[in-house]
Every structure is written in C-alpha cells, then in structure tokens.
C-alpha cells in the first residue's frame, strides 16, 4: 500500500473545502518558535468526532498558536460547548488568544497559561473529551490525571503517537520512549477501549468505560 499516494489523494479531495487550513493559519503568525500544530487531516478528524458526540466540555493540553483549538471551537460554537486549553509558553498563548479573537471564537475558549503538571491536578471539572498535544515527555506523567478528570464515556485523544516508528529528526528522538510508554498505558488500561490510527503522526483514541 502506497501511503504517499493515499495522502496526496485525500489532500486533493479536501483541498477546496471551506475552513481554515494549517498552512494559512501558520502564515498569519509572527512567531518563529512554537510547538508544531496538528495536520489538516487530524483537524478534520477532531471536528468530525466533536460533531458526532457534541462534548459539552473539552480539555486541550497544548494550545500552541491555537490551530487545533480554533478547529474544534468552530464546531463547539454550534451547540454551546466550551474548550479549556492549556499553554505553557506565555508568548505563544498571547498569539493564540489573538487568533481566537480574530476567528470570533474567544467566548467558547478558556485559555490557561502555565505548566499542565500544575494546572491539571487542581482542575475540579470533568470533561467529555481530552485532547493531548503538548510536550510529548509529559504524556505518561499526565495520564492518570487525565483519566481522573475524564467522564465515563468520554474520549481521550492524543497526537503524535506513532513517533516510535517514524523516521524522526534527531532532535525529536528523546520523545520516542515517553510516547511508547504512553501508548502502552492507554492500550493496557482496563478502564479504556482504544485504537491507534495511522493518521498524521499517529492519533490514539480511547473511550473511558
């Protein structure tokens, strides 16, 4: 199976669909240093899932410049849901907030600035969907905390979960082990039913039983 051909075909199908694309979103930012955002195909998957299950409360770990947040908020606004998103870098968070305002979506998004390891253990809310796309080294460390604040029937979705088998640049090699550890935590957790999907750099989706 030629995955490059498949990728090109899918991109061609969706190229002219309405909605902001990753390339356009990035081109509007003046920042040079921020965690890479999700691919367009992952954004479409998130939007589809959100449209299907209509989660009232979403937690995103790793805002970056706000592309994934904006993509999700475009659907959330249709039924009055809310997104809480966490970003460590204050400068990047400021850019994300500007992007939310420009997109007319600020009222659906609560942006928390700080270390997710300090913020998440103090969150009292329960969430219908948690999307994890922050520092990959934090994935295993945050796993139990995420499970605790995820509602029964809620979804845990994490990005870049195929890092262990991808040809990565040397600078990303230190992320292979924590991602592999996280994948095994999800797959072997008796409270979760999961599937790892080869889309983008890998997306694992798990539902809490």
C-alpha atoms as a PDB file:
ATOM      1  CA  UNK A   1       0.000   0.000   0.000  1.00  0.00           C
ATOM      2  CA  UNK A   2       1.460   3.346  -1.093  1.00  0.00           C
ATOM      3  CA  UNK A   3       0.708   5.716   1.786  1.00  0.00           C
ATOM      4  CA  UNK A   4       2.193   8.710  -0.044  1.00  0.00           C
ATOM      5  CA  UNK A   5      -0.317   8.255  -2.873  1.00  0.00           C
ATOM      6  CA  UNK A   6      -3.128   7.822  -0.381  1.00  0.00           C
ATOM      7  CA  UNK A   7      -2.091  11.004   1.422  1.00  0.00           C
ATOM      8  CA  UNK A   8      -1.961  13.016  -1.805  1.00  0.00           C
ATOM      9  CA  UNK A   9      -5.358  11.704  -2.898  1.00  0.00           C
ATOM     10  CA  UNK A  10      -7.008  12.627   0.402  1.00  0.00           C
ATOM     11  CA  UNK A  11      -5.401  16.081   0.430  1.00  0.00           C
ATOM     12  CA  UNK A  12      -6.655  16.641  -3.111  1.00  0.00           C
ATOM     13  CA  UNK A  13     -10.199  15.713  -2.140  1.00  0.00           C
ATOM     14  CA  UNK A  14     -10.325  18.204   0.725  1.00  0.00           C
ATOM     15  CA  UNK A  15      -8.179  20.958  -0.761  1.00  0.00           C
ATOM     16  CA  UNK A  16     -11.073  23.199  -1.778  1.00  0.00           C
ATOM     17  CA  UNK A  17     -13.294  22.550   1.229  1.00  0.00           C
ATOM     18  CA  UNK A  18     -14.219  25.626   3.245  1.00  0.00           C
ATOM     19  CA  UNK A  19     -12.494  26.266   6.533  1.00  0.00           C
ATOM     20  CA  UNK A  20      -9.090  27.454   7.622  1.00  0.00           C
ATOM     21  CA  UNK A  21      -6.122  25.274   6.718  1.00  0.00           C
ATOM     22  CA  UNK A  22      -2.941  24.674   8.704  1.00  0.00           C
ATOM     23  CA  UNK A  23      -0.710  26.437   6.173  1.00  0.00           C
ATOM     24  CA  UNK A  24      -2.892  29.570   6.144  1.00  0.00           C
ATOM     25  CA  UNK A  25      -3.139  29.615   9.939  1.00  0.00           C
ATOM     26  CA  UNK A  26       0.627  29.404  10.423  1.00  0.00           C
ATOM     27  CA  UNK A  27       1.280  32.067   7.770  1.00  0.00           C
ATOM     28  CA  UNK A  28      -0.618  34.624   9.872  1.00  0.00           C
ATOM     29  CA  UNK A  29       1.602  34.290  12.936  1.00  0.00           C
ATOM     30  CA  UNK A  30       4.711  36.358  13.527  1.00  0.00           C
ATOM     31  CA  UNK A  31       6.202  33.747  15.863  1.00  0.00           C
ATOM     32  CA  UNK A  32       9.033  31.505  14.751  1.00  0.00           C
ATOM     33  CA  UNK A  33       9.331  29.247  17.788  1.00  0.00           C
ATOM     34  CA  UNK A  34       6.258  27.232  18.779  1.00  0.00           C
ATOM     35  CA  UNK A  35       5.267  23.581  19.076  1.00  0.00           C
ATOM     36  CA  UNK A  36       4.144  22.306  15.643  1.00  0.00           C
ATOM     37  CA  UNK A  37       0.374  22.263  15.160  1.00  0.00           C
ATOM     38  CA  UNK A  38      -1.735  19.305  14.043  1.00  0.00           C
ATOM     39  CA  UNK A  39      -2.113  18.407  10.371  1.00  0.00           C
ATOM     40  CA  UNK A  40      -5.287  19.238   8.463  1.00  0.00           C
ATOM     41  CA  UNK A  41      -6.381  15.594   8.388  1.00  0.00           C
ATOM     42  CA  UNK A  42      -6.170  15.385  12.176  1.00  0.00           C
ATOM     43  CA  UNK A  43      -8.130  18.643  12.456  1.00  0.00           C
ATOM     44  CA  UNK A  44     -10.852  17.137  10.242  1.00  0.00           C
ATOM     45  CA  UNK A  45     -10.956  14.027  12.417  1.00  0.00           C
ATOM     46  CA  UNK A  46     -11.338  16.103  15.588  1.00  0.00           C
ATOM     47  CA  UNK A  47     -14.110  18.187  14.048  1.00  0.00           C
ATOM     48  CA  UNK A  48     -15.928  15.060  12.888  1.00  0.00           C
ATOM     49  CA  UNK A  49     -15.709  13.434  16.323  1.00  0.00           C
ATOM     50  CA  UNK A  50     -16.907  16.612  18.032  1.00  0.00           C
ATOM     51  CA  UNK A  51     -19.817  16.967  15.631  1.00  0.00           C
ATOM     52  CA  UNK A  52     -20.840  13.363  16.355  1.00  0.00           C
ATOM     53  CA  UNK A  53     -20.566  13.293  20.158  1.00  0.00           C
ATOM     54  CA  UNK A  54     -21.110  17.011  20.906  1.00  0.00           C
ATOM     55  CA  UNK A  55     -18.919  17.187  24.021  1.00  0.00           C
ATOM     56  CA  UNK A  56     -20.008  19.989  26.351  1.00  0.00           C
ATOM     57  CA  UNK A  57     -16.601  20.298  27.997  1.00  0.00           C
ATOM     58  CA  UNK A  58     -13.310  19.791  26.159  1.00  0.00           C
ATOM     59  CA  UNK A  59      -9.831  19.988  27.665  1.00  0.00           C
ATOM     60  CA  UNK A  60      -6.913  20.598  25.322  1.00  0.00           C
ATOM     61  CA  UNK A  61      -3.373  20.159  26.637  1.00  0.00           C
ATOM     62  CA  UNK A  62      -1.011  22.115  24.404  1.00  0.00           C
ATOM     63  CA  UNK A  63      -2.567  25.113  22.663  1.00  0.00           C
ATOM     64  CA  UNK A  64       0.434  26.227  20.603  1.00  0.00           C
ATOM     65  CA  UNK A  65      -0.777  29.057  18.343  1.00  0.00           C
ATOM     66  CA  UNK A  66      -4.350  27.768  18.512  1.00  0.00           C
ATOM     67  CA  UNK A  67      -4.970  25.925  15.245  1.00  0.00           C
ATOM     68  CA  UNK A  68      -6.437  22.793  16.838  1.00  0.00           C
ATOM     69  CA  UNK A  69      -8.380  24.883  19.363  1.00  0.00           C
ATOM     70  CA  UNK A  70      -9.842  27.022  16.594  1.00  0.00           C
ATOM     71  CA  UNK A  71     -10.739  23.940  14.541  1.00  0.00           C
ATOM     72  CA  UNK A  72     -12.608  22.394  17.469  1.00  0.00           C
ATOM     73  CA  UNK A  73     -14.257  25.668  18.501  1.00  0.00           C
ATOM     74  CA  UNK A  74     -15.748  26.061  15.017  1.00  0.00           C
ATOM     75  CA  UNK A  75     -17.939  23.048  15.819  1.00  0.00           C
ATOM     76  CA  UNK A  76     -18.344  23.668  19.558  1.00  0.00           C
ATOM     77  CA  UNK A  77     -19.953  27.071  18.923  1.00  0.00           C
ATOM     78  CA  UNK A  78     -22.831  25.375  17.073  1.00  0.00           C
ATOM     79  CA  UNK A  79     -24.171  23.709  20.226  1.00  0.00           C
ATOM     80  CA  UNK A  80     -22.764  25.845  23.049  1.00  0.00           C
ATOM     81  CA  UNK A  81     -19.856  23.713  24.220  1.00  0.00           C
ATOM     82  CA  UNK A  82     -16.701  25.031  25.890  1.00  0.00           C
ATOM     83  CA  UNK A  83     -12.981  24.388  25.453  1.00  0.00           C
ATOM     84  CA  UNK A  84     -10.401  24.784  28.207  1.00  0.00           C
ATOM     85  CA  UNK A  85      -6.923  24.864  26.695  1.00  0.00           C
ATOM     86  CA  UNK A  86      -3.532  24.943  28.428  1.00  0.00           C
ATOM     87  CA  UNK A  87      -0.361  26.539  27.038  1.00  0.00           C
ATOM     88  CA  UNK A  88       2.967  26.733  28.852  1.00  0.00           C
ATOM     89  CA  UNK A  89       4.602  29.499  26.793  1.00  0.00           C
ATOM     90  CA  UNK A  90       3.102  32.916  27.573  1.00  0.00           C
ATOM     91  CA  UNK A  91       4.229  34.454  24.276  1.00  0.00           C
ATOM     92  CA  UNK A  92       2.680  31.612  22.279  1.00  0.00           C
ATOM     93  CA  UNK A  93      -0.505  31.804  24.368  1.00  0.00           C
ATOM     94  CA  UNK A  94      -0.788  35.514  23.595  1.00  0.00           C
ATOM     95  CA  UNK A  95      -0.626  34.716  19.869  1.00  0.00           C
ATOM     96  CA  UNK A  96      -3.255  32.006  20.280  1.00  0.00           C
ATOM     97  CA  UNK A  97      -5.594  34.395  22.108  1.00  0.00           C
ATOM     98  CA  UNK A  98      -5.249  36.891  19.259  1.00  0.00           C
ATOM     99  CA  UNK A  99      -6.119  34.142  16.793  1.00  0.00           C
ATOM    100  CA  UNK A 100      -9.222  33.188  18.796  1.00  0.00           C
ATOM    101  CA  UNK A 101     -10.381  36.810  18.755  1.00  0.00           C
ATOM    102  CA  UNK A 102      -9.736  37.127  15.018  1.00  0.00           C
ATOM    103  CA  UNK A 103     -11.767  33.961  14.404  1.00  0.00           C
ATOM    104  CA  UNK A 104     -14.664  35.242  16.544  1.00  0.00           C
ATOM    105  CA  UNK A 105     -14.368  32.238  18.864  1.00  0.00           C
ATOM    106  CA  UNK A 106     -12.959  33.712  22.074  1.00  0.00           C
ATOM    107  CA  UNK A 107     -16.213  33.270  24.034  1.00  0.00           C
ATOM    108  CA  UNK A 108     -16.056  29.482  23.600  1.00  0.00           C
ATOM    109  CA  UNK A 109     -12.456  29.129  24.801  1.00  0.00           C
ATOM    110  CA  UNK A 110     -10.826  29.457  28.215  1.00  0.00           C
ATOM    111  CA  UNK A 111      -7.058  29.758  27.853  1.00  0.00           C
ATOM    112  CA  UNK A 112      -4.956  28.804  30.868  1.00  0.00           C
ATOM    113  CA  UNK A 113      -1.266  29.731  30.837  1.00  0.00           C
ATOM    114  CA  UNK A 114       1.152  27.593  32.822  1.00  0.00           C
ATOM    115  CA  UNK A 115       2.535  24.123  33.409  1.00  0.00           C
ATOM    116  CA  UNK A 116      -0.063  21.420  32.734  1.00  0.00           C
ATOM    117  CA  UNK A 117       1.502  19.329  35.507  1.00  0.00           C
ATOM    118  CA  UNK A 118       0.478  22.007  37.992  1.00  0.00           C
ATOM    119  CA  UNK A 119      -2.841  23.031  36.430  1.00  0.00           C
ATOM    120  CA  UNK A 120      -4.480  19.670  35.706  1.00  0.00           C
ATOM    121  CA  UNK A 121      -4.262  18.143  39.229  1.00  0.00           C
ATOM    122  CA  UNK A 122      -6.171  21.190  40.517  1.00  0.00           C
ATOM    123  CA  UNK A 123      -8.978  21.049  37.946  1.00  0.00           C
ATOM    124  CA  UNK A 124     -12.315  20.166  39.544  1.00  0.00           C
ATOM    125  CA  UNK A 125     -14.337  19.798  36.332  1.00  0.00           C
ATOM    126  CA  UNK A 126     -14.929  16.535  34.483  1.00  0.00           C
ATOM    127  CA  UNK A 127     -14.513  16.549  30.714  1.00  0.00           C
ATOM    128  CA  UNK A 128     -16.292  14.809  27.852  1.00  0.00           C
ATOM    129  CA  UNK A 129     -13.195  14.958  25.647  1.00  0.00           C
ATOM    130  CA  UNK A 130      -9.497  15.473  26.394  1.00  0.00           C
ATOM    131  CA  UNK A 131      -7.119  16.227  23.528  1.00  0.00           C
ATOM    132  CA  UNK A 132      -3.432  15.910  24.316  1.00  0.00           C
ATOM    133  CA  UNK A 133      -0.838  17.543  22.061  1.00  0.00           C
ATOM    134  CA  UNK A 134       1.643  19.137  24.461  1.00  0.00           C
ATOM    135  CA  UNK A 135       5.258  18.242  25.247  1.00  0.00           C
ATOM    136  CA  UNK A 136       5.413  14.511  24.480  1.00  0.00           C
ATOM    137  CA  UNK A 137       7.616  13.874  27.521  1.00  0.00           C
ATOM    138  CA  UNK A 138       4.617  14.800  29.671  1.00  0.00           C
ATOM    139  CA  UNK A 139       2.211  12.277  28.123  1.00  0.00           C
ATOM    140  CA  UNK A 140       2.917   9.417  30.585  1.00  0.00           C
ATOM    141  CA  UNK A 141       3.120  11.760  33.576  1.00  0.00           C
ATOM    142  CA  UNK A 142      -0.288  13.298  32.842  1.00  0.00           C
ATOM    143  CA  UNK A 143      -2.035  10.025  32.005  1.00  0.00           C
ATOM    144  CA  UNK A 144      -3.541   9.263  35.435  1.00  0.00           C
ATOM    145  CA  UNK A 145      -4.570  12.880  35.963  1.00  0.00           C
ATOM    146  CA  UNK A 146      -6.356  12.916  32.592  1.00  0.00           C
ATOM    147  CA  UNK A 147      -8.112   9.656  33.379  1.00  0.00           C
ATOM    148  CA  UNK A 148      -9.347  11.077  36.685  1.00  0.00           C
ATOM    149  CA  UNK A 149     -11.000  14.118  35.084  1.00  0.00           C
ATOM    150  CA  UNK A 150     -12.407  12.256  32.070  1.00  0.00           C
ATOM    151  CA  UNK A 151     -16.087  11.370  32.335  1.00  0.00           C
ATOM    152  CA  UNK A 152     -17.256   7.800  31.862  1.00  0.00           C
ATOM    153  CA  UNK A 153     -17.993   7.535  28.141  1.00  0.00           C
ATOM    154  CA  UNK A 154     -15.606  10.410  27.456  1.00  0.00           C
ATOM    155  CA  UNK A 155     -12.825  10.359  24.875  1.00  0.00           C
ATOM    156  CA  UNK A 156      -9.085  10.689  25.408  1.00  0.00           C
ATOM    157  CA  UNK A 157      -7.363  11.638  22.148  1.00  0.00           C
ATOM    158  CA  UNK A 158      -3.605  12.072  21.815  1.00  0.00           C
ATOM    159  CA  UNK A 159      -1.498  13.218  18.857  1.00  0.00           C
ATOM    160  CA  UNK A 160       1.923  12.088  17.571  1.00  0.00           C
ATOM    161  CA  UNK A 161       1.503   8.578  18.948  1.00  0.00           C
ATOM    162  CA  UNK A 162       3.365   6.896  16.079  1.00  0.00           C
ATOM    163  CA  UNK A 163       6.630   8.660  16.924  1.00  0.00           C
ATOM    164  CA  UNK A 164       8.200   5.316  17.986  1.00  0.00           C
ATOM    165  CA  UNK A 165       8.089   4.018  14.387  1.00  0.00           C
ATOM    166  CA  UNK A 166       8.526   7.217  12.351  1.00  0.00           C
ATOM    167  CA  UNK A 167      11.772   8.471  10.816  1.00  0.00           C
ATOM    168  CA  UNK A 168      12.190  11.476  13.072  1.00  0.00           C
ATOM    169  CA  UNK A 169      14.801  14.194  13.097  1.00  0.00           C
ATOM    170  CA  UNK A 170      17.479  13.643  15.735  1.00  0.00           C
ATOM    171  CA  UNK A 171      16.074  16.454  17.889  1.00  0.00           C
ATOM    172  CA  UNK A 172      12.829  14.509  18.361  1.00  0.00           C
ATOM    173  CA  UNK A 173      14.442  11.162  19.261  1.00  0.00           C
ATOM    174  CA  UNK A 174      14.121  11.765  23.016  1.00  0.00           C
ATOM    175  CA  UNK A 175      10.340  11.731  22.599  1.00  0.00           C
ATOM    176  CA  UNK A 176      10.155   8.152  21.324  1.00  0.00           C
ATOM    177  CA  UNK A 177      10.376   6.468  24.728  1.00  0.00           C
ATOM    178  CA  UNK A 178       7.725   8.565  26.537  1.00  0.00           C
ATOM    179  CA  UNK A 179       5.299   8.190  23.631  1.00  0.00           C
ATOM    180  CA  UNK A 180       5.826   4.424  23.600  1.00  0.00           C
ATOM    181  CA  UNK A 181       5.246   4.356  27.360  1.00  0.00           C
ATOM    182  CA  UNK A 182       2.067   6.422  26.970  1.00  0.00           C
ATOM    183  CA  UNK A 183       0.725   4.183  24.194  1.00  0.00           C
ATOM    184  CA  UNK A 184       1.201   1.128  26.390  1.00  0.00           C
ATOM    185  CA  UNK A 185      -0.513   2.854  29.317  1.00  0.00           C
ATOM    186  CA  UNK A 186      -3.547   3.572  27.136  1.00  0.00           C
ATOM    187  CA  UNK A 187      -3.696   0.173  25.441  1.00  0.00           C
ATOM    188  CA  UNK A 188      -3.274  -1.789  28.682  1.00  0.00           C
ATOM    189  CA  UNK A 189      -5.558   0.352  30.847  1.00  0.00           C
ATOM    190  CA  UNK A 190      -8.627  -1.706  31.885  1.00  0.00           C
ATOM    191  CA  UNK A 191     -10.698   1.485  32.060  1.00  0.00           C
ATOM    192  CA  UNK A 192     -10.152   2.328  28.383  1.00  0.00           C
ATOM    193  CA  UNK A 193     -11.111   0.914  24.995  1.00  0.00           C
ATOM    194  CA  UNK A 194      -8.734   2.288  22.384  1.00  0.00           C
ATOM    195  CA  UNK A 195      -7.469   2.322  18.823  1.00  0.00           C
ATOM    196  CA  UNK A 196      -4.283   3.853  17.387  1.00  0.00           C
ATOM    197  CA  UNK A 197      -4.998   5.343  13.974  1.00  0.00           C
ATOM    198  CA  UNK A 198      -2.236   5.966  11.385  1.00  0.00           C
ATOM    199  CA  UNK A 199      -3.318   9.498  10.513  1.00  0.00           C
ATOM    200  CA  UNK A 200      -0.923  12.447  10.668  1.00  0.00           C
ATOM    201  CA  UNK A 201       1.872  11.341  13.006  1.00  0.00           C
ATOM    202  CA  UNK A 202      -0.493   8.926  14.713  1.00  0.00           C
ATOM    203  CA  UNK A 203      -3.627   9.540  16.777  1.00  0.00           C
ATOM    204  CA  UNK A 204      -4.735   7.293  19.607  1.00  0.00           C
ATOM    205  CA  UNK A 205      -8.405   7.467  20.555  1.00  0.00           C
ATOM    206  CA  UNK A 206      -9.692   5.902  23.758  1.00  0.00           C
ATOM    207  CA  UNK A 207     -13.103   5.859  25.403  1.00  0.00           C
ATOM    208  CA  UNK A 208     -13.441   5.562  29.179  1.00  0.00           C
ATOM    209  CA  UNK A 209     -15.614   2.601  30.103  1.00  0.00           C
END
